[in-house]
């Protein structure tokens, strides 16, 4: 298990989807979690993914955020992924949920 922080740059523009505020900015910092598993039982990768999601849920709960976990449909997955979870938090200023963690 490894955790790192990186500065990211988003190339797209907002195209007016958000009428005000700073929801999707062009530069942001994110924390990423990485893990490597052995394939001894065949369930190690799924168990590590569940552990990572549980850790993030614990952090959002401790922050007092109202959040939800989305088990993303297969059409939302990139090419080597077989499963992905996004976490969205309620954003009162926007009046809706917004992604705070992507898989």
N, C-alpha and C. Protein backbone atom coordinates (compact mmCIF):
# COMPACT_ATOMS: atom_id res chain seq x y z
N UNK A 1 0.84 -1.19 0.00
CA UNK A 1 0.00 0.00 0.00
C UNK A 1 0.88 1.24 0.00
N UNK A 2 0.54 2.18 -0.87
CA UNK A 2 1.28 3.43 -0.98
C UNK A 2 0.28 4.56 -1.16
N UNK A 3 0.55 5.70 -0.55
CA UNK A 3 -0.27 6.90 -0.71
C UNK A 3 0.64 8.01 -1.21
N UNK A 4 0.18 8.78 -2.19
CA UNK A 4 0.98 9.91 -2.66
C UNK A 4 0.05 11.07 -3.00
N UNK A 5 0.65 12.23 -3.08
CA UNK A 5 -0.07 13.45 -3.42
C UNK A 5 0.51 13.96 -4.73
N UNK A 6 -0.35 14.47 -5.61
CA UNK A 6 0.14 14.99 -6.88
C UNK A 6 -0.67 16.22 -7.30
N UNK A 7 -0.02 17.12 -8.00
CA UNK A 7 -0.69 18.27 -8.58
C UNK A 7 -1.15 17.88 -9.98
N UNK A 8 -2.41 18.14 -10.27
CA UNK A 8 -3.00 17.73 -11.55
C UNK A 8 -3.50 18.96 -12.30
N UNK A 9 -3.53 18.83 -13.60
CA UNK A 9 -4.00 19.91 -14.47
C UNK A 9 -5.08 19.35 -15.38
N UNK A 10 -6.22 20.01 -15.38
CA UNK A 10 -7.37 19.56 -16.16
C UNK A 10 -7.42 20.38 -17.45
N UNK A 11 -7.42 19.73 -18.61
CA UNK A 11 -7.39 20.49 -19.86
C UNK A 11 -8.73 21.07 -20.30
N UNK A 12 -9.84 20.50 -19.85
CA UNK A 12 -11.13 20.95 -20.38
C UNK A 12 -11.57 22.26 -19.76
N UNK A 13 -12.53 22.88 -20.41
CA UNK A 13 -13.16 24.08 -19.85
C UNK A 13 -14.51 23.68 -19.30
N UNK A 14 -15.09 24.54 -18.51
CA UNK A 14 -16.36 24.24 -17.84
C UNK A 14 -17.55 24.27 -18.80
N UNK A 15 -17.47 24.96 -19.89
CA UNK A 15 -18.52 25.09 -20.90
C UNK A 15 -19.86 25.57 -20.33
N UNK A 16 -19.80 26.32 -19.23
CA UNK A 16 -21.02 26.92 -18.69
C UNK A 16 -21.94 25.99 -17.95
N UNK A 17 -21.51 24.78 -17.63
CA UNK A 17 -22.38 23.86 -16.91
C UNK A 17 -22.69 24.37 -15.50
N UNK A 18 -21.71 25.01 -14.86
CA UNK A 18 -21.91 25.59 -13.54
C UNK A 18 -22.01 27.10 -13.71
N UNK A 19 -23.13 27.70 -13.38
CA UNK A 19 -23.30 29.13 -13.62
C UNK A 19 -22.42 30.02 -12.75
N UNK A 20 -21.95 29.50 -11.61
CA UNK A 20 -21.11 30.29 -10.72
C UNK A 20 -20.30 29.34 -9.85
N UNK A 21 -19.27 29.87 -9.22
CA UNK A 21 -18.48 29.08 -8.27
C UNK A 21 -17.29 28.39 -8.91
N UNK A 22 -16.57 27.67 -8.08
CA UNK A 22 -15.35 26.98 -8.51
C UNK A 22 -15.46 25.49 -8.23
N UNK A 23 -16.28 24.79 -8.98
CA UNK A 23 -16.41 23.35 -8.74
C UNK A 23 -15.32 22.57 -9.45
N UNK A 24 -15.15 22.78 -10.73
CA UNK A 24 -14.11 22.08 -11.49
C UNK A 24 -13.05 23.10 -11.89
N UNK A 25 -11.95 23.09 -11.17
CA UNK A 25 -10.87 24.03 -11.46
C UNK A 25 -9.83 23.36 -12.34
N UNK A 26 -9.00 24.16 -12.99
CA UNK A 26 -8.01 23.61 -13.92
C UNK A 26 -6.81 23.00 -13.23
N UNK A 27 -6.47 23.47 -12.05
CA UNK A 27 -5.34 22.90 -11.30
C UNK A 27 -5.85 22.48 -9.94
N UNK A 28 -5.48 21.28 -9.51
CA UNK A 28 -5.92 20.78 -8.22
C UNK A 28 -4.91 19.77 -7.70
N UNK A 29 -4.97 19.50 -6.42
CA UNK A 29 -4.10 18.51 -5.79
C UNK A 29 -4.96 17.33 -5.39
N UNK A 30 -4.46 16.13 -5.63
CA UNK A 30 -5.21 14.95 -5.22
C UNK A 30 -4.29 13.97 -4.51
N UNK A 31 -4.91 13.14 -3.70
CA UNK A 31 -4.21 12.08 -2.99
C UNK A 31 -4.62 10.78 -3.64
N UNK A 32 -3.65 9.95 -3.98
CA UNK A 32 -3.94 8.67 -4.62
C UNK A 32 -3.45 7.53 -3.75
N UNK A 33 -4.20 6.44 -3.76
CA UNK A 33 -3.83 5.23 -3.03
C UNK A 33 -3.54 4.14 -4.05
N UNK A 34 -2.43 3.47 -3.85
CA UNK A 34 -2.03 2.38 -4.74
C UNK A 34 -1.82 1.12 -3.91
N UNK A 35 -2.11 -0.01 -4.49
CA UNK A 35 -1.88 -1.27 -3.80
C UNK A 35 -1.53 -2.35 -4.80
N UNK A 36 -0.69 -3.27 -4.36
CA UNK A 36 -0.32 -4.44 -5.16
C UNK A 36 -0.68 -5.67 -4.35
N UNK A 37 -1.28 -6.64 -5.01
CA UNK A 37 -1.69 -7.86 -4.31
C UNK A 37 -1.12 -9.08 -5.01
N UNK A 38 -1.03 -10.15 -4.26
CA UNK A 38 -0.65 -11.45 -4.82
C UNK A 38 -1.95 -12.18 -5.19
N UNK A 39 -1.87 -13.05 -6.14
CA UNK A 39 -3.07 -13.77 -6.59
C UNK A 39 -3.09 -15.18 -6.02
N UNK A 40 -2.99 -15.28 -4.71
CA UNK A 40 -2.96 -16.61 -4.09
C UNK A 40 -4.35 -17.22 -3.98
N UNK A 41 -5.35 -16.42 -3.56
CA UNK A 41 -6.71 -16.92 -3.40
C UNK A 41 -7.64 -16.45 -4.51
N UNK A 42 -7.23 -15.41 -5.23
CA UNK A 42 -8.08 -14.86 -6.28
C UNK A 42 -9.01 -13.76 -5.82
N UNK A 43 -9.01 -13.44 -4.53
CA UNK A 43 -9.90 -12.40 -4.00
C UNK A 43 -9.13 -11.20 -3.45
N UNK A 44 -7.83 -11.22 -3.52
CA UNK A 44 -7.01 -10.19 -2.89
C UNK A 44 -7.26 -8.79 -3.44
N UNK A 45 -7.39 -8.67 -4.76
CA UNK A 45 -7.61 -7.35 -5.35
C UNK A 45 -8.94 -6.76 -4.90
N UNK A 46 -9.98 -7.57 -4.91
CA UNK A 46 -11.31 -7.11 -4.48
C UNK A 46 -11.27 -6.71 -3.00
N UNK A 47 -10.58 -7.48 -2.18
CA UNK A 47 -10.48 -7.16 -0.75
C UNK A 47 -9.74 -5.85 -0.53
N UNK A 48 -8.67 -5.61 -1.28
CA UNK A 48 -7.92 -4.36 -1.14
C UNK A 48 -8.76 -3.17 -1.61
N UNK A 49 -9.49 -3.33 -2.69
CA UNK A 49 -10.39 -2.27 -3.15
C UNK A 49 -11.41 -1.94 -2.07
N UNK A 50 -12.02 -2.96 -1.48
CA UNK A 50 -13.00 -2.74 -0.41
C UNK A 50 -12.36 -2.02 0.78
N UNK A 51 -11.11 -2.38 1.10
CA UNK A 51 -10.39 -1.73 2.19
C UNK A 51 -10.16 -0.25 1.89
N UNK A 52 -9.76 0.06 0.66
CA UNK A 52 -9.53 1.45 0.27
C UNK A 52 -10.83 2.26 0.34
N UNK A 53 -11.93 1.70 -0.15
CA UNK A 53 -13.22 2.40 -0.12
C UNK A 53 -13.66 2.62 1.33
N UNK A 54 -13.50 1.60 2.18
CA UNK A 54 -13.88 1.73 3.60
C UNK A 54 -13.06 2.81 4.30
N UNK A 55 -11.77 2.89 3.98
CA UNK A 55 -10.91 3.92 4.57
C UNK A 55 -11.40 5.32 4.18
N UNK A 56 -11.76 5.48 2.92
CA UNK A 56 -12.25 6.78 2.46
C UNK A 56 -13.60 7.12 3.10
N UNK A 57 -14.47 6.13 3.24
CA UNK A 57 -15.75 6.37 3.90
C UNK A 57 -15.53 6.80 5.35
N UNK A 58 -14.57 6.19 6.01
CA UNK A 58 -14.26 6.56 7.39
C UNK A 58 -13.80 8.02 7.46
N UNK A 59 -12.95 8.43 6.53
CA UNK A 59 -12.47 9.82 6.53
C UNK A 59 -13.61 10.81 6.29
N UNK A 60 -14.48 10.53 5.32
CA UNK A 60 -15.59 11.44 5.04
C UNK A 60 -16.57 11.48 6.22
N UNK A 61 -16.80 10.35 6.88
CA UNK A 61 -17.67 10.32 8.06
C UNK A 61 -17.09 11.15 9.19
N UNK A 62 -15.78 11.01 9.42
CA UNK A 62 -15.13 11.78 10.49
C UNK A 62 -15.16 13.28 10.20
N UNK A 63 -15.21 13.66 8.94
CA UNK A 63 -15.32 15.07 8.57
C UNK A 63 -16.76 15.58 8.69
N UNK A 64 -17.70 14.67 8.95
CA UNK A 64 -19.10 15.05 9.09
C UNK A 64 -19.79 15.34 7.77
N UNK A 65 -19.25 14.80 6.67
CA UNK A 65 -19.84 15.04 5.36
C UNK A 65 -20.94 14.03 5.07
N UNK A 66 -22.01 14.52 4.44
CA UNK A 66 -23.06 13.62 3.97
C UNK A 66 -22.63 13.17 2.57
N UNK A 67 -22.37 11.90 2.41
CA UNK A 67 -21.81 11.40 1.15
C UNK A 67 -22.53 10.14 0.71
N UNK A 68 -22.28 9.77 -0.52
CA UNK A 68 -22.80 8.51 -1.05
C UNK A 68 -21.72 7.86 -1.91
N UNK A 69 -21.75 6.54 -1.95
CA UNK A 69 -20.78 5.76 -2.73
C UNK A 69 -21.51 5.21 -3.94
N UNK A 70 -20.96 5.46 -5.12
CA UNK A 70 -21.56 4.99 -6.36
C UNK A 70 -20.71 3.86 -6.94
N UNK A 71 -21.31 2.71 -7.13
CA UNK A 71 -20.66 1.58 -7.81
C UNK A 71 -20.91 1.82 -9.30
N UNK A 72 -19.89 2.26 -10.01
CA UNK A 72 -20.05 2.76 -11.37
C UNK A 72 -20.40 1.64 -12.36
N UNK A 73 -21.27 1.94 -13.32
CA UNK A 73 -21.63 0.94 -14.33
C UNK A 73 -20.44 0.67 -15.27
N UNK A 74 -20.46 -0.47 -15.91
CA UNK A 74 -19.33 -0.89 -16.74
C UNK A 74 -19.04 0.09 -17.88
N UNK A 75 -20.05 0.77 -18.40
CA UNK A 75 -19.78 1.71 -19.50
C UNK A 75 -19.00 2.94 -19.04
N UNK A 76 -18.88 3.14 -17.73
CA UNK A 76 -18.11 4.26 -17.18
C UNK A 76 -16.65 3.89 -16.91
N UNK A 77 -16.29 2.64 -17.10
CA UNK A 77 -14.95 2.18 -16.75
C UNK A 77 -13.97 2.37 -17.89
N UNK A 78 -12.74 2.69 -17.51
CA UNK A 78 -11.67 2.77 -18.50
C UNK A 78 -11.13 1.38 -18.80
N UNK A 79 -10.20 1.26 -19.72
CA UNK A 79 -9.78 -0.08 -20.17
C UNK A 79 -9.07 -0.93 -19.15
N UNK A 80 -8.29 -0.86 -18.31
CA UNK A 80 -8.07 -2.15 -17.63
C UNK A 80 -9.00 -2.37 -16.44
N UNK A 81 -9.88 -1.39 -16.14
CA UNK A 81 -10.70 -1.49 -14.93
C UNK A 81 -11.85 -2.48 -15.11
N UNK A 82 -12.17 -3.16 -14.03
CA UNK A 82 -13.35 -4.01 -14.05
C UNK A 82 -14.36 -3.53 -13.00
N UNK A 83 -13.93 -2.65 -12.09
CA UNK A 83 -14.84 -2.11 -11.09
C UNK A 83 -14.31 -0.76 -10.62
N UNK A 84 -15.23 0.15 -10.33
CA UNK A 84 -14.83 1.50 -9.92
C UNK A 84 -15.90 2.08 -9.01
N UNK A 85 -15.47 2.76 -7.97
CA UNK A 85 -16.38 3.46 -7.07
C UNK A 85 -16.07 4.95 -7.11
N UNK A 86 -17.10 5.77 -7.16
CA UNK A 86 -16.96 7.21 -6.98
C UNK A 86 -17.64 7.56 -5.67
N UNK A 87 -17.15 8.59 -5.01
CA UNK A 87 -17.79 9.08 -3.79
C UNK A 87 -18.19 10.52 -4.05
N UNK A 88 -19.46 10.81 -3.78
CA UNK A 88 -19.98 12.16 -3.93
C UNK A 88 -20.42 12.67 -2.56
N UNK A 89 -20.19 13.95 -2.32
CA UNK A 89 -20.64 14.59 -1.08
C UNK A 89 -21.73 15.61 -1.41
N UNK A 90 -22.64 15.80 -0.46
CA UNK A 90 -23.68 16.80 -0.64
C UNK A 90 -23.05 18.17 -0.54
N UNK A 91 -23.34 19.02 -1.53
CA UNK A 91 -22.79 20.37 -1.58
C UNK A 91 -23.96 21.35 -1.49
N UNK A 92 -24.23 21.86 -0.28
CA UNK A 92 -25.40 22.71 -0.08
C UNK A 92 -25.42 23.94 -0.99
N UNK A 93 -24.28 24.54 -1.25
CA UNK A 93 -24.23 25.71 -2.11
C UNK A 93 -24.66 25.43 -3.54
N UNK A 94 -24.44 24.20 -3.98
CA UNK A 94 -24.84 23.80 -5.33
C UNK A 94 -26.23 23.17 -5.33
N UNK A 95 -26.67 22.71 -4.15
CA UNK A 95 -27.97 22.06 -4.05
C UNK A 95 -27.98 20.66 -4.65
N UNK A 96 -26.82 20.02 -4.71
CA UNK A 96 -26.74 18.67 -5.26
C UNK A 96 -25.42 18.02 -4.84
N UNK A 97 -25.31 16.74 -5.15
CA UNK A 97 -24.08 16.01 -4.86
C UNK A 97 -23.02 16.36 -5.89
N UNK A 98 -21.76 16.30 -5.46
CA UNK A 98 -20.64 16.51 -6.37
C UNK A 98 -19.53 15.53 -6.03
N UNK A 99 -18.80 15.12 -7.04
CA UNK A 99 -17.74 14.13 -6.84
C UNK A 99 -16.61 14.72 -5.99
N UNK A 100 -16.24 13.98 -4.96
CA UNK A 100 -15.11 14.36 -4.12
C UNK A 100 -14.02 13.31 -4.18
N UNK A 101 -14.35 12.19 -4.79
CA UNK A 101 -13.37 11.12 -4.95
C UNK A 101 -13.79 10.27 -6.13
N UNK A 102 -12.91 10.15 -7.10
CA UNK A 102 -13.17 9.32 -8.27
C UNK A 102 -12.27 8.10 -8.26
N UNK A 103 -12.77 7.03 -8.83
CA UNK A 103 -12.03 5.78 -8.83
C UNK A 103 -11.00 5.68 -9.91
